Amino acid sequence: MKIQPTALDDPLPGGLDAAFGGALAPPPLPEGFHERLQAAWRALAAEDLARQRRTLEAEHARELEALQRGYVRLKRDTLALVLAVAFTAGVVVAWGLPWLRATHGVDLSSLAPLLAVGIGMAAGALAWVDRFGLPWRR
């Protein structure tokens, strides 16, 4: 005995839909259906756009705040570096110049400007290396 295939055993996935489509007529669309559908899509797109805008504005505000915090931190660190270099130079001069005069007889009128230039160049070189790296490792 051979079993007859039914509509549920149909290998085509749309077979049942095709059978119902032939037997039943689709109901008519209500008046203005397409206009209401388009309006709903536009409203949904506008809501989605407004939500994306709020998200991006919040992210922008967070990034701007982080950037401002970084700027304030950079200014604070720069001020601390300048003060540290100034105090270190003062300590070196206060301790080193009398020692050099006593032990080696060095003239302070020529040594003080050279020492100031050397300390300034060393501070500039350190700032350069800290910001841009070593020239031969770029």
Protein backbone atom coordinates (compact mmCIF):
# COMPACT_ATOMS: atom_id res chain seq x y z
CA MET A 1 0.00 0.00 0.00
CA LYS A 2 1.36 3.35 -1.00
CA ILE A 3 0.80 6.41 1.23
CA GLN A 4 -0.35 9.50 -0.59
CA PRO A 5 1.66 12.67 0.27
CA THR A 6 -0.32 15.41 1.95
CA ALA A 7 0.18 19.16 1.85
CA LEU A 8 2.20 18.92 5.09
CA ASP A 9 4.61 16.47 3.49
CA ASP A 10 5.18 18.80 0.55
CA PRO A 11 8.93 19.22 0.02
CA LEU A 12 8.42 22.81 -1.17
CA PRO A 13 8.20 25.19 1.81
CA GLY A 14 5.62 27.41 0.11
CA GLY A 15 3.33 24.58 -0.97
CA LEU A 16 0.82 25.07 1.82
CA ASP A 17 0.77 28.82 1.27
CA ALA A 18 0.17 28.27 -2.43
CA ALA A 19 -2.68 25.88 -1.66
CA PHE A 20 -4.29 28.37 0.73
CA GLY A 21 -3.71 31.22 -1.71
CA GLY A 22 -5.63 29.35 -4.37
CA ALA A 23 -8.49 28.53 -2.02
CA LEU A 24 -8.78 31.80 -0.10
CA ALA A 25 -8.71 35.33 -1.42
CA PRO A 26 -6.63 37.81 0.61
CA PRO A 27 -8.68 40.42 2.44
CA PRO A 28 -8.60 43.94 1.03
CA LEU A 29 -6.29 46.43 2.68
CA PRO A 30 -7.94 49.15 4.72
CA GLU A 31 -8.19 52.64 3.29
CA GLY A 32 -4.89 54.57 3.67
CA PHE A 33 -2.94 51.49 4.80
CA HIS A 34 0.19 52.31 2.80
CA GLU A 35 0.21 55.95 3.97
CA ARG A 36 -0.11 54.88 7.62
CA LEU A 37 2.62 52.28 7.11
CA GLN A 38 4.95 54.86 5.58
CA ALA A 39 4.17 57.32 8.40
CA ALA A 40 4.91 54.64 11.00
CA TRP A 41 8.22 53.84 9.30
CA ARG A 42 9.14 57.53 9.20
CA ALA A 43 8.23 57.96 12.89
CA LEU A 44 10.27 54.90 13.80
CA ALA A 45 13.22 56.19 11.76
CA ALA A 46 12.92 59.62 13.42
CA GLU A 47 12.87 58.02 16.89
CA ASP A 48 15.87 55.90 15.99
CA LEU A 49 17.69 58.93 14.64
CA ALA A 50 16.87 60.95 17.78
CA ARG A 51 18.08 58.08 19.99
CA GLN A 52 21.32 57.80 18.00
CA ARG A 53 21.78 61.57 18.24
CA ARG A 54 21.31 61.53 22.03
CA THR A 55 23.78 58.64 22.31
CA LEU A 56 26.38 60.41 20.16
CA GLU A 57 25.94 63.70 22.02
CA ALA A 58 26.40 61.92 25.36
CA GLU A 59 29.53 60.19 24.05
CA HIS A 60 30.84 63.51 22.73
CA ALA A 61 30.25 65.15 26.12
CA ARG A 62 32.12 62.32 27.88
CA GLU A 63 35.05 62.53 25.47
CA LEU A 64 35.18 66.33 25.75
CA GLU A 65 35.22 66.09 29.55
CA ALA A 66 38.03 63.51 29.41
CA LEU A 67 39.96 65.76 27.03
CA GLN A 68 39.56 68.74 29.36
CA ARG A 69 40.68 66.64 32.34
CA GLY A 70 43.74 65.58 30.35
CA TYR A 71 44.49 69.20 29.44
CA VAL A 72 44.29 70.28 33.08
CA ARG A 73 46.51 67.33 34.07
CA LEU A 74 49.04 68.30 31.37
CA LYS A 75 49.14 71.90 32.62
CA ARG A 76 49.56 70.71 36.22
CA ASP A 77 52.34 68.29 35.28
CA THR A 78 54.12 70.98 33.24
CA LEU A 79 53.98 73.39 36.15
CA ALA A 80 55.30 70.70 38.50
CA LEU A 81 58.17 69.97 36.08
CA VAL A 82 59.11 73.63 35.80
CA LEU A 83 59.04 74.06 39.59
CA ALA A 84 61.05 70.87 40.14
CA VAL A 85 63.71 71.96 37.64
CA ALA A 86 63.88 75.44 39.20
CA PHE A 87 64.26 74.13 42.75
CA THR A 88 66.77 71.51 41.66
CA ALA A 89 68.82 74.15 39.86
CA GLY A 90 68.70 76.34 42.97
CA VAL A 91 69.89 73.48 45.18
CA VAL A 92 72.68 72.59 42.75
CA VAL A 93 73.84 76.20 42.57
CA ALA A 94 73.60 76.77 46.34
CA TRP A 95 75.55 73.60 47.09
CA GLY A 96 77.82 73.26 44.07
CA LEU A 97 79.20 76.76 43.50
CA PRO A 98 80.77 77.23 46.94
CA TRP A 99 82.20 73.72 46.74
CA LEU A 100 83.69 74.38 43.28
CA ARG A 101 85.17 77.71 44.43
CA ALA A 102 86.69 76.13 47.55
CA THR A 103 88.08 72.99 45.93
CA HIS A 104 88.99 74.09 42.41
CA GLY A 105 89.09 77.86 42.57
CA VAL A 106 86.49 78.27 39.79
CA ASP A 107 85.39 81.83 38.95
CA LEU A 108 81.65 82.14 39.59
CA SER A 109 81.13 84.96 37.08
CA SER A 110 81.80 82.61 34.16
CA LEU A 111 80.50 79.38 35.70
CA ALA A 112 77.01 80.56 36.75
CA PRO A 113 75.78 81.47 33.23
CA LEU A 114 77.28 78.30 31.76
CA LEU A 115 75.64 76.21 34.46
CA ALA A 116 72.27 77.90 33.84
CA VAL A 117 72.58 77.23 30.10
CA GLY A 118 73.53 73.61 30.72
CA ILE A 119 70.60 73.02 33.06
CA GLY A 120 68.22 74.68 30.60
CA MET A 121 69.49 72.59 27.69
CA ALA A 122 69.24 69.40 29.76
CA ALA A 123 65.65 70.22 30.74
CA GLY A 124 64.79 70.98 27.10
CA ALA A 125 66.40 67.74 25.91
CA LEU A 126 64.47 65.74 28.53
CA ALA A 127 61.20 67.39 27.50
CA TRP A 128 61.98 66.67 23.83
CA VAL A 129 62.75 63.00 24.50
CA ASP A 130 59.65 62.66 26.69
CA ARG A 131 57.39 64.12 24.01
CA PHE A 132 58.90 62.83 20.76
CA GLY A 133 61.15 59.94 21.79
CA LEU A 134 64.75 59.40 20.96
CA PRO A 135 65.64 60.56 17.42
CA TRP A 136 67.37 57.34 16.45
CA ARG A 137 64.40 55.17 17.56
CA ARG A 138 61.67 56.79 15.43
